Protein backbone atom coordinates (compact mmCIF):
# COMPACT_ATOMS: atom_id res chain seq x y z
CA MET A 1 0.00 0.00 0.00
CA ASN A 2 1.33 3.39 -0.88
CA SER A 3 1.48 6.28 1.57
CA SER A 4 -1.76 8.22 1.99
CA GLU A 5 -0.39 11.02 -0.25
CA GLN A 6 0.15 8.57 -3.09
CA VAL A 7 -2.93 6.33 -2.95
CA THR A 8 -4.21 5.54 -6.44
CA ILE A 9 -7.89 4.74 -7.01
CA LEU A 10 -9.29 3.37 -10.26
CA VAL A 11 -12.91 4.41 -10.90
CA ILE A 12 -14.71 2.07 -13.33
CA GLU A 13 -18.03 3.63 -14.38
CA ASP A 14 -19.69 4.04 -17.79
CA ASN A 15 -22.02 6.90 -16.80
CA PRO A 16 -20.11 10.15 -17.51
CA HIS A 17 -21.96 12.07 -14.78
CA GLN A 18 -21.26 9.42 -12.12
CA LEU A 19 -17.67 9.04 -13.30
CA GLY A 20 -17.13 12.77 -13.00
CA PHE A 21 -18.79 12.98 -9.58
CA LEU A 22 -16.78 10.11 -8.10
CA SER A 23 -13.49 11.21 -9.63
CA THR A 24 -13.88 14.85 -8.56
CA ASN A 25 -14.67 13.90 -4.96
CA LEU A 26 -11.69 11.56 -4.73
CA ASP A 27 -9.37 14.06 -6.42
CA LEU A 28 -10.39 16.79 -3.95
CA ALA A 29 -9.64 14.38 -1.10
CA GLY A 30 -6.06 14.06 -2.34
CA TYR A 31 -6.16 10.69 -4.09
CA ILE A 32 -4.60 9.98 -7.47
CA VAL A 33 -7.58 9.08 -9.66
CA ARG A 34 -7.58 6.91 -12.78
CA GLN A 35 -10.69 6.31 -14.86
CA ALA A 36 -12.14 3.57 -17.05
CA ALA A 37 -15.50 3.74 -18.85
CA ASP A 38 -15.77 0.02 -19.65
CA GLY A 39 -14.41 -3.36 -18.65
CA LEU A 40 -11.76 -3.59 -21.36
CA GLN A 41 -10.35 -0.16 -20.51
CA ALA A 42 -10.29 -1.19 -16.87
CA LYS A 43 -8.49 -4.46 -17.66
CA MET A 44 -5.82 -2.59 -19.62
CA GLN A 45 -5.31 -0.10 -16.77
CA ILE A 46 -5.02 -2.87 -14.18
CA ASP A 47 -2.61 -4.81 -16.42
CA ALA A 48 -0.44 -1.69 -16.60
CA ALA A 49 -0.46 -1.05 -12.84
CA VAL A 50 -2.71 -2.42 -10.09
CA PRO A 51 -4.17 0.53 -8.12
CA ASP A 52 -4.52 0.72 -4.34
CA LEU A 53 -8.33 0.57 -4.51
CA ILE A 54 -11.01 0.09 -7.16
CA LEU A 55 -14.54 1.53 -7.35
CA LEU A 56 -16.47 -0.79 -9.66
CA ASP A 57 -19.85 -0.42 -11.35
CA LEU A 58 -21.07 -3.92 -12.25
CA GLN A 59 -23.12 -2.82 -15.27
CA ILE A 60 -20.30 -1.77 -17.60
CA PRO A 61 -19.94 -2.60 -21.31
CA TYR A 62 -17.59 -4.98 -23.15
CA LEU A 63 -16.52 -6.87 -19.99
CA ASN A 64 -19.04 -6.71 -17.16
CA GLY A 65 -18.02 -5.93 -13.62
CA GLY A 66 -18.59 -9.45 -12.33
CA ASP A 67 -16.30 -11.02 -14.93
CA LEU A 68 -13.72 -8.29 -14.38
CA LEU A 69 -13.75 -8.91 -10.63
CA LYS A 70 -13.41 -12.67 -11.11
CA TRP A 71 -10.39 -12.06 -13.37
CA LEU A 72 -8.87 -9.60 -10.88
CA ARG A 73 -9.22 -11.97 -7.93
CA GLY A 74 -7.15 -14.53 -9.81
CA PHE A 75 -4.02 -12.54 -9.03
CA SER A 76 -4.76 -9.56 -6.76
CA ASN A 77 -6.36 -8.81 -3.39
CA VAL A 78 -6.67 -5.08 -4.07
CA PRO A 79 -9.73 -3.69 -2.19
CA VAL A 80 -12.80 -3.37 -4.44
CA ILE A 81 -15.93 -1.37 -3.60
CA ILE A 82 -18.91 -2.13 -5.84
CA ILE A 83 -21.05 0.90 -6.71
CA THR A 84 -24.39 0.05 -8.30
CA GLY A 85 -28.05 0.98 -8.45
CA LYS A 86 -29.16 -2.46 -7.22
CA ASP A 87 -30.10 -2.22 -3.56
CA ALA A 88 -31.66 -5.62 -2.76
CA GLU A 89 -29.74 -7.56 -0.10
CA ASP A 90 -29.43 -10.58 -2.41
CA ASP A 91 -27.70 -8.37 -4.99
CA LYS A 92 -25.32 -7.05 -2.33
CA VAL A 93 -24.48 -10.55 -1.11
CA ARG A 94 -23.83 -11.77 -4.67
CA GLY A 95 -21.51 -8.83 -5.28
CA LEU A 96 -19.58 -9.50 -2.10
CA GLU A 97 -19.34 -13.21 -2.80
CA MET A 98 -17.71 -12.38 -6.14
CA GLY A 99 -14.82 -10.98 -4.09
CA ALA A 100 -15.71 -7.35 -3.39
CA ASP A 101 -14.86 -5.78 -0.02
CA ASP A 102 -17.80 -3.40 0.22
CA TYR A 103 -20.96 -2.36 -1.60
CA LEU A 104 -22.42 1.12 -2.15
CA VAL A 105 -25.82 1.88 -3.65
CA LYS A 106 -26.30 4.85 -5.99
CA PRO A 107 -26.80 7.70 -5.52
CA VAL A 108 -23.73 7.88 -3.29
CA GLY A 109 -23.17 10.96 -1.13
CA SER A 110 -19.75 12.56 -0.84
CA ARG A 111 -19.41 11.86 2.89
CA GLU A 112 -20.41 8.21 2.59
CA LEU A 113 -18.03 7.75 -0.35
CA GLN A 114 -15.11 9.23 1.58
CA ALA A 115 -15.89 7.20 4.71
CA ARG A 116 -16.13 3.89 2.84
CA VAL A 117 -12.95 4.53 0.85
CA LYS A 118 -11.00 5.41 4.00
CA ALA A 119 -12.34 2.32 5.77
CA ALA A 120 -11.38 0.01 2.89
CA LEU A 121 -7.87 1.44 2.72
CA ARG A 122 -7.48 1.20 6.49
CA ARG A 123 -8.50 -2.47 6.47
CA ALA A 124 -6.10 -3.26 3.66
CA ARG A 125 -3.14 -1.86 5.56
CA LEU A 126 -3.62 -4.42 8.37
CA ALA A 127 -1.25 -2.62 10.69
CA ALA A 128 0.51 -4.81 13.27
CA PRO A 129 -0.64 -4.35 16.90
CA ASP A 130 1.24 -1.85 19.08
CA GLY A 131 2.81 -4.66 21.07
CA GLY A 132 4.48 -6.06 17.96
CA ILE A 133 3.68 -9.04 15.78
CA PRO A 134 2.07 -11.88 17.77
CA GLU A 135 3.27 -15.45 17.72
CA PRO A 136 1.66 -17.67 15.06
CA TYR A 137 -1.85 -18.86 15.89
CA GLU A 138 -2.54 -22.59 15.79
CA ASN A 139 -5.91 -24.28 16.20
CA GLY A 140 -6.28 -27.84 14.93
CA GLY A 141 -4.89 -27.73 11.39
CA LEU A 142 -5.46 -23.97 11.07
CA ARG A 143 -2.36 -21.76 11.34
CA ILE A 144 -2.07 -17.98 11.03
CA ASP A 145 1.44 -16.63 10.51
CA TYR A 146 0.96 -12.96 11.39
CA ALA A 147 4.52 -12.01 10.44
CA GLY A 148 4.17 -13.51 6.98
CA TYR A 149 0.49 -12.57 6.54
CA ALA A 150 -0.12 -16.22 5.65
CA VAL A 151 -2.81 -18.76 6.53
CA THR A 152 -2.49 -22.51 6.10
CA VAL A 153 -4.90 -25.37 6.77
CA ASP A 154 -3.29 -28.78 7.30
CA GLY A 155 -0.16 -27.36 5.72
CA ARG A 156 -1.91 -26.12 2.58
CA PRO A 157 -1.99 -22.36 1.89
CA ALA A 158 -5.36 -20.63 2.11
CA HIS A 159 -5.38 -17.55 -0.08
CA LEU A 160 -7.42 -14.86 1.65
CA ALA A 161 -8.37 -11.36 0.56
CA PRO A 162 -7.52 -8.67 3.16
CA ILE A 163 -11.10 -8.46 4.44
CA GLU A 164 -11.28 -12.26 4.87
CA TYR A 165 -7.93 -12.27 6.67
CA LYS A 166 -8.99 -9.51 9.05
CA LEU A 167 -12.26 -11.28 9.83
CA LEU A 168 -10.39 -14.52 10.56
CA CYS A 169 -7.95 -12.68 12.85
CA ALA A 170 -10.84 -11.11 14.76
CA LEU A 171 -12.41 -14.53 15.26
CA ALA A 172 -9.05 -16.08 16.19
CA ASP A 173 -8.45 -13.36 18.82
CA HIS A 174 -11.66 -14.57 20.50
CA THR A 175 -11.46 -18.34 19.90
CA GLY A 176 -14.36 -20.11 21.58
CA VAL A 177 -16.27 -16.85 22.11
CA VAL A 178 -19.44 -15.96 20.21
CA LEU A 179 -19.08 -12.63 18.41
CA SER A 180 -22.18 -10.78 17.28
CA HIS A 181 -22.63 -9.33 13.81
CA ASP A 182 -22.31 -5.89 15.42
CA ASP A 183 -19.02 -6.83 17.10
CA LEU A 184 -17.56 -8.04 13.82
CA LEU A 185 -18.81 -5.03 11.87
CA ARG A 186 -17.15 -2.67 14.34
CA TRP A 187 -13.85 -4.55 14.64
CA VAL A 188 -13.42 -5.57 11.01
CA TRP A 189 -15.19 -2.90 8.97
CA GLY A 190 -15.17 0.08 11.33
CA ASP A 191 -17.44 2.43 13.22
CA GLU A 192 -18.99 3.68 9.96
CA TYR A 193 -20.98 0.44 9.69
CA GLU A 194 -24.28 -0.36 11.40
CA ASP A 195 -26.54 -3.32 12.16
CA GLY A 196 -28.16 -3.01 8.73
CA ASP A 197 -24.80 -3.89 7.17
CA ALA A 198 -24.75 -7.39 8.71
CA TYR A 199 -24.97 -8.88 5.20
CA LEU A 200 -21.29 -7.87 4.86
CA VAL A 201 -20.36 -10.24 7.66
CA ARG A 202 -22.45 -13.10 6.27
CA ALA A 203 -21.00 -12.74 2.78
CA VAL A 204 -17.38 -12.62 3.92
CA VAL A 205 -17.90 -15.56 6.31
CA HIS A 206 -19.20 -17.48 3.28
CA ARG A 207 -16.00 -16.64 1.38
CA LEU A 208 -13.79 -17.43 4.37
CA ARG A 209 -15.37 -20.85 4.80
CA LYS A 210 -14.71 -21.69 1.16
CA ALA A 211 -11.04 -20.88 1.77
CA ILE A 212 -10.41 -22.71 5.07
CA GLU A 213 -13.07 -25.40 5.50
CA ALA A 214 -12.82 -28.86 3.91
CA ASP A 215 -16.62 -28.81 3.59
CA PRO A 216 -17.94 -25.22 3.73
CA ALA A 217 -21.51 -26.48 4.16
CA ASN A 218 -20.46 -28.30 7.34
CA PRO A 219 -17.81 -26.04 8.84
CA VAL A 220 -15.41 -27.22 11.52
CA TYR A 221 -13.83 -23.88 12.37
CA VAL A 222 -16.25 -20.99 11.74
CA GLN A 223 -19.48 -21.90 13.51
CA THR A 224 -22.79 -20.05 13.14
CA VAL A 225 -24.70 -19.17 16.28
CA PRO A 226 -28.26 -18.54 15.00
CA ARG A 227 -29.59 -15.01 15.50
CA VAL A 228 -26.37 -13.99 17.26
CA GLY A 229 -23.23 -14.24 15.13
CA TYR A 230 -20.19 -16.48 14.72
CA CYS A 231 -17.59 -18.32 16.76
CA LEU A 232 -14.21 -19.78 15.82
CA ALA A 233 -14.37 -23.18 17.49
CA LYS A 234 -11.48 -24.81 19.33
CA VAL A 235 -10.44 -27.79 17.20
CA ARG A 236 -8.23 -30.68 18.18
CA LYS A 237 -5.48 -31.68 15.76
CA GLY A 238 -6.86 -34.26 13.33
CA ASP A 239 -10.56 -33.36 13.82
């Protein structure tokens, strides 16, 4: 991640008015802004240099946002915020399960845009705790190497996006304790997020399970506590 004075954001939006609004707001906030009006332009820009953050409209021509995001996640964990006119929770969950980190519904206000961008960049930095880097975490076959920012399960690497990694670390810090959706929103996403954003937690838990569970439909590690939240269970080696 670059320093805050050099953060580059790629805005992918085919509506000229929206593209101008988003770009102007980010430029005034001090970010370096790049633009793409369709999926092919975006792909060329990312091939040339991966930005620090991407704002992505899903309904773009030539290569739609979903396919672009799937391609991107094949090699990069750069934070992606989807910006779209679809506001149904199912649409939000689908977008997040594609690999996005956050989801904004148009029209987007300047203050909300700035808050979500700052939150996404803050999560991606994953600063080490003040007391230094903790010892590796081990629970059954799950291992988190904080120094190397690496997760393995039974010796096999689990490739996690920054938001998935931060969620796992929050759960690991409270192994055996049930954490509410509100707890996880506050610790992982930030104070800008509210109870109505609980779909973020559910979608990222779904992605995390696919990465670390042998059978995501019957998880061993990340347990659901109905109507409350989630718990990272204590697992014996070989379970």
